[in-house]
Amino acid sequence: MTAYAPDTALVVVDVQNDFADPDGSLYVPGGDTQVVPAVNHQISLALEAGASVFYTQDWHPERTPHFAIDGGIWPVHCVAGTAGADFHPDLRIEGPSVHKGAGGEDGYSGFTMRDPRSGEEIPTELASMIREAGCRHVVVVGLALDYCVKDTALDAAREGFDTTVLLAATAAVNLDPGDGEAAVEQLRRAGVSVG
């Protein structure tokens, strides 16, 4: 169990309808029945301890190289302003949200995006928001373990934060069998605590 403190940031990654609702275009199994309640429990624990809570949301334009229709690998999902991009209705909202991909950028991390043509990395405001809150520790939960959660946690560690991923409050897409397990191994090799 993670012990929260005032210098901890809980980062809730992409708990949006397209990922967390069975009718979503990129539903992650268990997103609604397991992940949302587990994330809400972590939010409660974090707030009780005086920790900060931040959220990320995929926030794509209607056409982007991130989508299969434009050469990417994913179905259309989390288009800005649509119901699919909204937070799951049962998710507790207790802090600011960082939108990623609004300009058609690629990438999965809440900390960085990537220009799909040039490959240039573009930082989001998440790292500065966490630092301004006085946080040194980052706990990452949400969807999905093998993509956005993993990359957000790896970037948090690269940013110098003591980083933890809570497996009970995430789930994997498993586009290829074993992707979730591979993500856990990659996180551990990078010095991220996985519990």
Protein backbone atom coordinates (compact mmCIF):
# COMPACT_ATOMS: atom_id res chain seq x y z
CA MET A 1 0.00 0.00 0.00
CA THR A 2 1.27 3.45 -0.93
CA ALA A 3 1.68 5.99 1.85
CA TYR A 4 0.67 9.44 0.62
CA ALA A 5 2.07 12.68 1.99
CA PRO A 6 1.84 16.38 1.12
CA ASP A 7 4.85 16.03 -1.21
CA THR A 8 3.12 13.28 -3.25
CA ALA A 9 1.33 13.79 -6.57
CA LEU A 10 -1.25 11.23 -7.64
CA VAL A 11 -1.44 11.28 -11.45
CA VAL A 12 -4.67 9.78 -12.81
CA VAL A 13 -4.07 8.85 -16.44
CA ASP A 14 -6.81 8.89 -19.10
CA VAL A 15 -9.80 7.48 -17.20
CA GLN A 16 -12.02 8.53 -20.10
CA ASN A 17 -15.13 6.98 -21.60
CA ASP A 18 -13.44 5.67 -24.73
CA PHE A 19 -11.09 3.63 -22.51
CA ALA A 20 -13.17 2.98 -19.38
CA ASP A 21 -16.67 2.38 -20.77
CA PRO A 22 -17.57 -0.92 -22.48
CA ASP A 23 -19.11 1.10 -25.32
CA GLY A 24 -15.91 3.13 -25.78
CA SER A 25 -13.95 2.84 -29.01
CA LEU A 26 -10.84 1.53 -27.22
CA TYR A 27 -12.29 -0.11 -24.10
CA VAL A 28 -9.79 -1.59 -21.67
CA PRO A 29 -11.37 -4.63 -19.97
CA GLY A 30 -12.05 -3.87 -16.32
CA GLY A 31 -11.73 -0.13 -16.84
CA ASP A 32 -15.20 0.56 -15.47
CA THR A 33 -15.67 -2.21 -12.90
CA GLN A 34 -12.14 -2.45 -11.45
CA VAL A 35 -10.03 0.56 -12.35
CA VAL A 36 -12.48 3.41 -11.67
CA PRO A 37 -13.33 2.25 -8.09
CA ALA A 38 -9.65 1.54 -7.35
CA VAL A 39 -8.60 4.97 -8.66
CA ASN A 40 -11.32 6.68 -6.61
CA HIS A 41 -10.02 4.90 -3.50
CA GLN A 42 -6.50 6.17 -4.21
CA ILE A 43 -7.84 9.70 -4.72
CA SER A 44 -9.50 9.53 -1.30
CA LEU A 45 -6.32 8.31 0.37
CA ALA A 46 -4.25 10.98 -1.37
CA LEU A 47 -6.56 13.83 -0.37
CA GLU A 48 -6.77 12.62 3.24
CA ALA A 49 -2.96 12.84 3.40
CA GLY A 50 -2.78 16.31 1.84
CA ALA A 51 -1.35 15.05 -1.46
CA SER A 52 -2.09 16.67 -4.83
CA VAL A 53 -4.15 15.03 -7.56
CA PHE A 54 -3.60 15.64 -11.28
CA TYR A 55 -5.35 14.13 -14.29
CA THR A 56 -4.44 13.56 -17.93
CA GLN A 57 -6.78 13.25 -20.89
CA ASP A 58 -6.22 12.24 -24.48
CA TRP A 59 -7.69 15.18 -26.39
CA HIS A 60 -7.31 14.49 -30.10
CA PRO A 61 -8.53 16.33 -33.20
CA GLU A 62 -10.87 14.44 -35.54
CA ARG A 63 -7.98 13.55 -37.86
CA THR A 64 -4.48 12.75 -36.65
CA PRO A 65 -1.65 10.37 -37.69
CA HIS A 66 -2.26 8.73 -34.28
CA PHE A 67 -5.45 7.13 -35.73
CA ALA A 68 -5.57 4.12 -38.07
CA ILE A 69 -7.63 6.09 -40.61
CA ASP A 70 -4.64 8.44 -40.95
CA GLY A 71 -1.84 5.86 -40.82
CA GLY A 72 -1.59 5.14 -37.08
CA ILE A 73 -2.49 1.99 -35.16
CA TRP A 74 -5.49 3.10 -33.06
CA PRO A 75 -9.19 3.46 -33.76
CA VAL A 76 -10.55 6.99 -33.49
CA HIS A 77 -10.76 7.80 -29.77
CA CYS A 78 -10.96 10.68 -27.30
CA VAL A 79 -11.76 13.34 -29.90
CA ALA A 80 -11.78 16.71 -28.12
CA GLY A 81 -15.23 17.76 -26.96
CA THR A 82 -16.89 14.36 -27.52
CA ALA A 83 -18.44 12.07 -24.92
CA GLY A 84 -15.61 9.59 -25.53
CA ALA A 85 -13.05 12.15 -24.35
CA ASP A 86 -14.99 12.96 -21.17
CA PHE A 87 -13.93 11.46 -17.87
CA HIS A 88 -15.85 8.34 -16.88
CA PRO A 89 -18.93 9.61 -15.00
CA ASP A 90 -18.05 7.64 -11.85
CA LEU A 91 -14.51 9.06 -11.62
CA ARG A 92 -13.94 11.48 -8.76
CA ILE A 93 -12.47 14.76 -10.05
CA GLU A 94 -10.34 16.63 -7.50
CA GLY A 95 -7.70 18.51 -9.48
CA PRO A 96 -6.58 19.96 -12.82
CA SER A 97 -6.34 17.99 -16.04
CA VAL A 98 -3.61 18.11 -18.68
CA HIS A 99 -4.85 17.58 -22.25
CA LYS A 100 -2.48 15.73 -24.57
CA GLY A 101 -2.54 15.37 -28.33
CA ALA A 102 -4.76 18.42 -28.93
CA GLY A 103 -2.58 19.54 -31.84
CA GLY A 104 -2.46 16.08 -33.40
CA GLU A 105 0.66 15.07 -31.49
CA ASP A 106 1.46 11.44 -30.85
CA GLY A 107 2.80 9.86 -27.69
CA TYR A 108 1.32 8.39 -24.58
CA SER A 109 2.96 10.16 -21.65
CA GLY A 110 1.26 12.85 -19.60
CA PHE A 111 4.62 14.65 -19.52
CA THR A 112 5.57 14.72 -23.21
CA MET A 113 4.02 14.59 -26.66
CA ARG A 114 5.71 13.91 -29.99
CA ASP A 115 5.22 15.60 -33.34
CA PRO A 116 4.12 12.65 -35.53
CA ARG A 117 6.09 13.89 -38.52
CA SER A 118 9.29 15.36 -37.10
CA GLY A 119 9.47 13.18 -33.97
CA GLU A 120 10.22 16.29 -31.89
CA GLU A 121 9.26 15.91 -28.22
CA ILE A 122 7.03 18.61 -26.79
CA PRO A 123 6.63 18.89 -23.00
CA THR A 124 3.21 19.30 -21.41
CA GLU A 125 2.71 21.43 -18.32
CA LEU A 126 2.43 18.40 -16.00
CA ALA A 127 6.02 18.40 -14.64
CA SER A 128 5.90 22.10 -13.79
CA MET A 129 2.47 21.72 -12.16
CA ILE A 130 3.77 18.89 -9.96
CA ARG A 131 6.88 20.85 -8.99
CA GLU A 132 4.84 23.98 -8.23
CA ALA A 133 2.77 21.87 -5.85
CA GLY A 134 5.97 20.97 -3.99
CA CYS A 135 5.80 17.28 -4.86
CA ARG A 136 8.80 14.93 -5.03
CA HIS A 137 6.91 11.64 -5.25
CA VAL A 138 4.57 10.61 -8.08
CA VAL A 139 2.03 7.78 -7.98
CA VAL A 140 0.57 6.80 -11.36
CA VAL A 141 -2.80 5.07 -11.86
CA GLY A 142 -5.37 4.87 -14.66
CA LEU A 143 -5.46 3.59 -18.23
CA ALA A 144 -3.82 1.85 -19.85
CA LEU A 145 -0.93 0.13 -18.09
CA ASP A 146 0.99 -0.88 -21.21
CA TYR A 147 0.79 2.52 -22.93
CA CYS A 148 -0.13 5.80 -21.26
CA VAL A 149 0.40 4.69 -17.64
CA LYS A 150 3.77 3.12 -18.47
CA ASP A 151 5.05 6.08 -20.48
CA THR A 152 3.81 8.61 -17.91
CA ALA A 153 5.60 6.73 -15.13
CA LEU A 154 8.82 6.39 -17.16
CA ASP A 155 8.79 10.12 -17.84
CA ALA A 156 8.07 10.90 -14.18
CA ALA A 157 11.17 8.91 -13.22
CA ARG A 158 13.22 10.69 -15.92
CA GLU A 159 12.02 13.99 -14.47
CA GLY A 160 13.59 12.96 -11.16
CA PHE A 161 10.44 12.06 -9.25
CA ASP A 162 10.36 9.00 -7.01
CA THR A 163 7.72 7.10 -9.00
CA THR A 164 5.27 4.29 -8.23
CA VAL A 165 2.68 2.53 -10.39
CA LEU A 166 -0.20 0.84 -8.54
CA LEU A 167 -1.23 -2.28 -10.47
CA ALA A 168 -4.56 -2.58 -8.65
CA ALA A 169 -5.59 0.79 -10.08
CA THR A 170 -4.69 0.16 -13.73
CA ALA A 171 -5.31 -2.38 -16.50
CA ALA A 172 -3.57 -3.26 -19.75
CA VAL A 173 -4.86 -3.10 -23.33
CA ASN A 174 -2.70 -6.13 -24.25
CA LEU A 175 -2.80 -5.33 -27.97
CA ASP A 176 -0.28 -8.15 -28.14
CA PRO A 177 -0.51 -10.88 -25.49
CA GLY A 178 1.83 -10.17 -22.59
CA ASP A 179 2.11 -6.41 -23.19
CA GLY A 180 1.04 -5.71 -19.60
CA GLU A 181 3.71 -7.99 -18.15
CA ALA A 182 6.34 -6.51 -20.45
CA ALA A 183 5.35 -3.02 -19.29
CA VAL A 184 5.83 -4.00 -15.65
CA GLU A 185 9.31 -5.33 -16.41
CA GLN A 186 10.24 -2.16 -18.30
CA LEU A 187 9.03 -0.02 -15.39
CA ARG A 188 11.04 -2.02 -12.87
CA ARG A 189 14.18 -1.82 -15.00
CA ALA A 190 13.77 1.98 -15.06
CA GLY A 191 13.64 2.15 -11.27
CA VAL A 192 9.87 2.66 -10.99
CA SER A 193 8.26 0.95 -8.01
CA VAL A 194 5.42 -1.36 -9.07
CA GLY A 195 3.02 -2.51 -6.41
